[in-house]
Amino acid sequence: MSGRPVKHSLTLRGHRTSVSLEDEFWRAFRDIAQEKEIPINVLAAEIDTARGPDIGLASAIRVYVLKHFRDQ
């Protein structure tokens, strides 16, 4: 287990971007997408659309993952 963020590429509405998240967040993020039966890029695009302009995508994904599991 590493606490260091790992960079992964995502495609959001046809545009490639990279996001750095810790392994645990990547796994949880993939699990949520699988649970919702949608591609991870679709889930990332939904989070991207909903986030505020002053919030980075990586931070928005972390908060989304945290809220998802807290709400269960």
N, C-alpha and C. Protein backbone atom coordinates (compact mmCIF):
# COMPACT_ATOMS: atom_id res chain seq x y z
N MET A 1 0.85 -1.18 0.00
CA MET A 1 0.00 0.00 0.00
C MET A 1 0.89 1.23 0.00
N SER A 2 0.61 2.13 -0.94
CA SER A 2 1.39 3.35 -1.06
C SER A 2 0.48 4.55 -0.88
N GLY A 3 0.93 5.53 -0.13
CA GLY A 3 0.18 6.75 0.06
C GLY A 3 0.43 7.77 -1.02
N ARG A 4 1.32 7.42 -1.97
CA ARG A 4 1.65 8.35 -3.03
C ARG A 4 0.59 8.32 -4.12
N PRO A 5 0.21 9.49 -4.63
CA PRO A 5 -0.74 9.52 -5.75
C PRO A 5 -0.14 8.87 -6.99
N VAL A 6 -1.00 8.21 -7.76
CA VAL A 6 -0.62 7.57 -9.01
C VAL A 6 -1.40 8.26 -10.12
N LYS A 7 -0.71 8.65 -11.17
CA LYS A 7 -1.35 9.35 -12.28
C LYS A 7 -1.97 8.35 -13.25
N HIS A 8 -3.23 8.62 -13.61
CA HIS A 8 -3.96 7.82 -14.59
C HIS A 8 -4.59 8.77 -15.60
N SER A 9 -4.75 8.29 -16.81
CA SER A 9 -5.41 9.09 -17.85
C SER A 9 -6.89 8.76 -17.89
N LEU A 10 -7.67 9.80 -18.09
CA LEU A 10 -9.11 9.67 -18.26
C LEU A 10 -9.52 10.44 -19.52
N THR A 11 -10.63 10.07 -20.08
CA THR A 11 -11.18 10.82 -21.22
C THR A 11 -12.51 11.41 -20.77
N LEU A 12 -12.56 12.74 -20.78
CA LEU A 12 -13.77 13.45 -20.38
C LEU A 12 -14.34 14.16 -21.58
N ARG A 13 -15.49 13.71 -22.03
CA ARG A 13 -16.16 14.30 -23.19
C ARG A 13 -15.21 14.45 -24.38
N GLY A 14 -14.45 13.39 -24.65
CA GLY A 14 -13.56 13.36 -25.79
C GLY A 14 -12.18 13.97 -25.59
N HIS A 15 -11.90 14.50 -24.43
CA HIS A 15 -10.61 15.11 -24.15
C HIS A 15 -9.85 14.31 -23.10
N ARG A 16 -8.59 14.02 -23.37
CA ARG A 16 -7.75 13.28 -22.42
C ARG A 16 -7.26 14.22 -21.33
N THR A 17 -7.27 13.70 -20.11
CA THR A 17 -6.71 14.42 -18.97
C THR A 17 -6.10 13.40 -18.03
N SER A 18 -5.21 13.83 -17.19
CA SER A 18 -4.65 12.91 -16.21
C SER A 18 -5.01 13.38 -14.81
N VAL A 19 -5.24 12.40 -13.95
CA VAL A 19 -5.63 12.66 -12.57
C VAL A 19 -4.75 11.80 -11.67
N SER A 20 -4.24 12.39 -10.62
CA SER A 20 -3.41 11.67 -9.66
C SER A 20 -4.21 11.40 -8.39
N LEU A 21 -4.36 10.11 -8.09
CA LEU A 21 -5.05 9.67 -6.88
C LEU A 21 -4.26 8.53 -6.25
N GLU A 22 -4.40 8.39 -4.97
CA GLU A 22 -3.79 7.26 -4.26
C GLU A 22 -4.46 5.97 -4.72
N ASP A 23 -3.70 4.87 -4.65
CA ASP A 23 -4.21 3.57 -5.11
C ASP A 23 -5.57 3.23 -4.50
N GLU A 24 -5.75 3.50 -3.23
CA GLU A 24 -7.00 3.16 -2.55
C GLU A 24 -8.18 3.91 -3.16
N PHE A 25 -7.95 5.18 -3.52
CA PHE A 25 -9.03 5.96 -4.15
C PHE A 25 -9.30 5.46 -5.56
N TRP A 26 -8.26 5.09 -6.32
CA TRP A 26 -8.48 4.54 -7.66
C TRP A 26 -9.32 3.27 -7.58
N ARG A 27 -8.99 2.39 -6.65
CA ARG A 27 -9.74 1.14 -6.52
C ARG A 27 -11.20 1.42 -6.15
N ALA A 28 -11.40 2.30 -5.20
CA ALA A 28 -12.76 2.63 -4.76
C ALA A 28 -13.54 3.31 -5.89
N PHE A 29 -12.88 4.18 -6.64
CA PHE A 29 -13.50 4.87 -7.76
C PHE A 29 -13.94 3.88 -8.84
N ARG A 30 -13.07 2.93 -9.15
CA ARG A 30 -13.41 1.88 -10.13
C ARG A 30 -14.56 1.02 -9.61
N ASP A 31 -14.53 0.70 -8.32
CA ASP A 31 -15.60 -0.10 -7.72
C ASP A 31 -16.95 0.60 -7.83
N ILE A 32 -16.97 1.89 -7.60
CA ILE A 32 -18.22 2.66 -7.68
C ILE A 32 -18.74 2.65 -9.12
N ALA A 33 -17.86 2.89 -10.08
CA ALA A 33 -18.27 2.87 -11.49
C ALA A 33 -18.84 1.50 -11.86
N GLN A 34 -18.19 0.45 -11.40
CA GLN A 34 -18.66 -0.90 -11.69
C GLN A 34 -20.02 -1.15 -11.03
N GLU A 35 -20.17 -0.70 -9.80
CA GLU A 35 -21.44 -0.84 -9.09
C GLU A 35 -22.57 -0.12 -9.83
N LYS A 36 -22.26 1.05 -10.39
CA LYS A 36 -23.25 1.83 -11.14
C LYS A 36 -23.41 1.34 -12.57
N GLU A 37 -22.53 0.39 -12.95
CA GLU A 37 -22.54 -0.18 -14.29
C GLU A 37 -22.34 0.87 -15.38
N ILE A 38 -21.38 1.76 -15.12
CA ILE A 38 -21.00 2.77 -16.10
C ILE A 38 -19.47 2.80 -16.20
N PRO A 39 -18.95 3.20 -17.36
CA PRO A 39 -17.49 3.31 -17.49
C PRO A 39 -16.94 4.37 -16.53
N ILE A 40 -15.73 4.17 -16.10
CA ILE A 40 -15.09 5.11 -15.18
C ILE A 40 -15.00 6.51 -15.78
N ASN A 41 -14.82 6.59 -17.10
CA ASN A 41 -14.75 7.90 -17.76
C ASN A 41 -16.08 8.64 -17.68
N VAL A 42 -17.19 7.90 -17.73
CA VAL A 42 -18.51 8.52 -17.61
C VAL A 42 -18.70 9.06 -16.19
N LEU A 43 -18.33 8.26 -15.22
CA LEU A 43 -18.44 8.72 -13.82
C LEU A 43 -17.55 9.94 -13.59
N ALA A 44 -16.34 9.92 -14.12
CA ALA A 44 -15.43 11.06 -13.97
C ALA A 44 -16.03 12.31 -14.63
N ALA A 45 -16.65 12.15 -15.78
CA ALA A 45 -17.28 13.29 -16.47
C ALA A 45 -18.43 13.85 -15.65
N GLU A 46 -19.21 12.97 -15.01
CA GLU A 46 -20.30 13.44 -14.14
C GLU A 46 -19.76 14.25 -12.97
N ILE A 47 -18.71 13.75 -12.35
CA ILE A 47 -18.09 14.46 -11.23
C ILE A 47 -17.50 15.79 -11.71
N ASP A 48 -16.87 15.76 -12.87
CA ASP A 48 -16.27 16.97 -13.44
C ASP A 48 -17.32 18.05 -13.67
N THR A 49 -18.47 17.65 -14.19
CA THR A 49 -19.55 18.60 -14.46
C THR A 49 -20.12 19.20 -13.18
N ALA A 50 -20.20 18.39 -12.13
CA ALA A 50 -20.81 18.82 -10.88
C ALA A 50 -19.88 19.64 -9.98
N ARG A 51 -18.56 19.56 -10.21
CA ARG A 51 -17.63 20.24 -9.31
C ARG A 51 -17.60 21.75 -9.57
N GLY A 52 -17.22 22.48 -8.55
CA GLY A 52 -17.08 23.92 -8.69
C GLY A 52 -15.81 24.28 -9.44
N PRO A 53 -15.74 25.49 -9.96
CA PRO A 53 -14.59 25.91 -10.76
C PRO A 53 -13.29 26.01 -9.95
N ASP A 54 -13.41 26.11 -8.65
CA ASP A 54 -12.21 26.25 -7.81
C ASP A 54 -11.79 24.92 -7.17
N ILE A 55 -12.42 23.81 -7.59
CA ILE A 55 -12.10 22.49 -7.03
C ILE A 55 -11.47 21.64 -8.12
N GLY A 56 -10.30 21.09 -7.84
CA GLY A 56 -9.62 20.23 -8.80
C GLY A 56 -10.35 18.91 -8.96
N LEU A 57 -10.16 18.29 -10.12
CA LEU A 57 -10.84 17.04 -10.40
C LEU A 57 -10.44 15.94 -9.43
N ALA A 58 -9.17 15.84 -9.11
CA ALA A 58 -8.73 14.80 -8.16
C ALA A 58 -9.41 14.99 -6.81
N SER A 59 -9.47 16.21 -6.33
CA SER A 59 -10.14 16.48 -5.05
C SER A 59 -11.62 16.15 -5.13
N ALA A 60 -12.25 16.50 -6.24
CA ALA A 60 -13.68 16.21 -6.41
C ALA A 60 -13.93 14.71 -6.41
N ILE A 61 -13.05 13.95 -7.03
CA ILE A 61 -13.20 12.49 -7.04
C ILE A 61 -13.03 11.93 -5.64
N ARG A 62 -12.03 12.41 -4.91
CA ARG A 62 -11.83 11.92 -3.52
C ARG A 62 -13.06 12.19 -2.66
N VAL A 63 -13.61 13.38 -2.76
CA VAL A 63 -14.79 13.74 -1.97
C VAL A 63 -15.99 12.88 -2.40
N TYR A 64 -16.13 12.65 -3.70
CA TYR A 64 -17.22 11.81 -4.20
C TYR A 64 -17.12 10.40 -3.63
N VAL A 65 -15.92 9.83 -3.67
CA VAL A 65 -15.69 8.49 -3.14
C VAL A 65 -16.00 8.45 -1.64
N LEU A 66 -15.51 9.42 -0.90
CA LEU A 66 -15.76 9.48 0.53
C LEU A 66 -17.26 9.56 0.82
N LYS A 67 -17.96 10.46 0.13
CA LYS A 67 -19.40 10.60 0.35
C LYS A 67 -20.14 9.32 -0.01
N HIS A 68 -19.74 8.69 -1.10
CA HIS A 68 -20.39 7.45 -1.53
C HIS A 68 -20.36 6.41 -0.40
N PHE A 69 -19.20 6.20 0.19
CA PHE A 69 -19.08 5.17 1.22
C PHE A 69 -19.64 5.62 2.57
N ARG A 70 -19.62 6.89 2.84
CA ARG A 70 -20.24 7.38 4.09
C ARG A 70 -21.75 7.26 4.04
N ASP A 71 -22.32 7.40 2.83
CA ASP A 71 -23.77 7.34 2.68
C ASP A 71 -24.32 5.91 2.70
N GLN A 72 -23.44 4.93 2.63
CA GLN A 72 -23.91 3.54 2.63
C GLN A 72 -24.21 3.05 4.02
